């Protein structure tokens, strides 16, 4: 049996960290990136891995 690729069509309407209700823009970002449903405060806390490597190298 072949497995069919699945896409994320729906996400929760609350931040996975603090439980705050997400705005339409925050929901759209979560759908487009396929990442966690996060409010803008907690999404800003995320730092790309290449930036962390650069800081640790100093």
Protein backbone atom coordinates (compact mmCIF):
# COMPACT_ATOMS: atom_id res chain seq x y z
CA UNK A 1 0.00 0.00 0.00
CA UNK A 2 1.40 3.42 -0.98
CA UNK A 3 1.24 6.23 1.51
CA UNK A 4 -0.24 9.45 0.28
CA UNK A 5 1.43 12.74 1.15
CA UNK A 6 -0.66 14.68 3.62
CA UNK A 7 -0.77 18.42 4.06
CA UNK A 8 -1.64 20.45 7.10
CA UNK A 9 -4.99 22.05 6.37
CA UNK A 10 -5.99 23.00 9.85
CA UNK A 11 -4.20 23.98 13.02
CA UNK A 12 -5.28 24.73 16.57
CA UNK A 13 -6.55 28.23 17.27
CA UNK A 14 -4.49 28.65 20.43
CA UNK A 15 -0.76 29.13 21.08
CA UNK A 16 0.90 25.83 21.96
CA UNK A 17 2.98 27.55 24.67
CA UNK A 18 0.69 29.97 26.49
CA UNK A 19 -2.78 29.10 25.18
CA UNK A 20 -3.54 32.59 23.86
CA UNK A 21 -6.07 32.77 21.02
CA UNK A 22 -4.20 33.21 17.72
CA UNK A 23 -4.94 35.99 15.28
CA UNK A 24 -5.75 35.25 11.65
CA UNK A 25 -2.20 36.30 10.67
CA UNK A 26 -0.64 33.97 13.27
CA UNK A 27 -2.82 31.09 12.06
CA UNK A 28 -1.79 31.78 8.46
CA UNK A 29 1.91 31.65 9.40
CA UNK A 30 1.41 28.32 11.17
CA UNK A 31 -0.35 26.88 8.12
CA UNK A 32 2.24 28.19 5.64
CA UNK A 33 5.26 27.00 7.61
CA UNK A 34 3.75 23.75 8.84
CA UNK A 35 5.26 24.57 12.19
CA UNK A 36 3.85 24.94 15.66
CA UNK A 37 0.87 27.19 16.28
CA UNK A 38 2.49 30.04 18.20
CA UNK A 39 1.42 33.55 19.13
CA UNK A 40 3.62 36.36 17.85
CA UNK A 41 5.33 36.67 21.27
CA UNK A 42 6.44 33.04 21.33
CA UNK A 43 7.19 32.93 17.60
CA UNK A 44 9.63 35.82 18.14
CA UNK A 45 11.42 33.74 20.78
CA UNK A 46 12.44 31.21 18.14
CA UNK A 47 15.93 31.73 16.75
CA UNK A 48 17.09 29.95 13.57
CA UNK A 49 19.73 27.28 14.22
CA UNK A 50 22.34 28.99 12.01
CA UNK A 51 22.15 32.10 14.20
CA UNK A 52 22.65 30.02 17.35
CA UNK A 53 25.74 28.38 15.80
CA UNK A 54 27.16 31.81 14.93
CA UNK A 55 26.69 33.08 18.50
CA UNK A 56 28.26 29.96 20.05
CA UNK A 57 31.27 30.21 17.72
CA UNK A 58 32.19 33.67 19.11
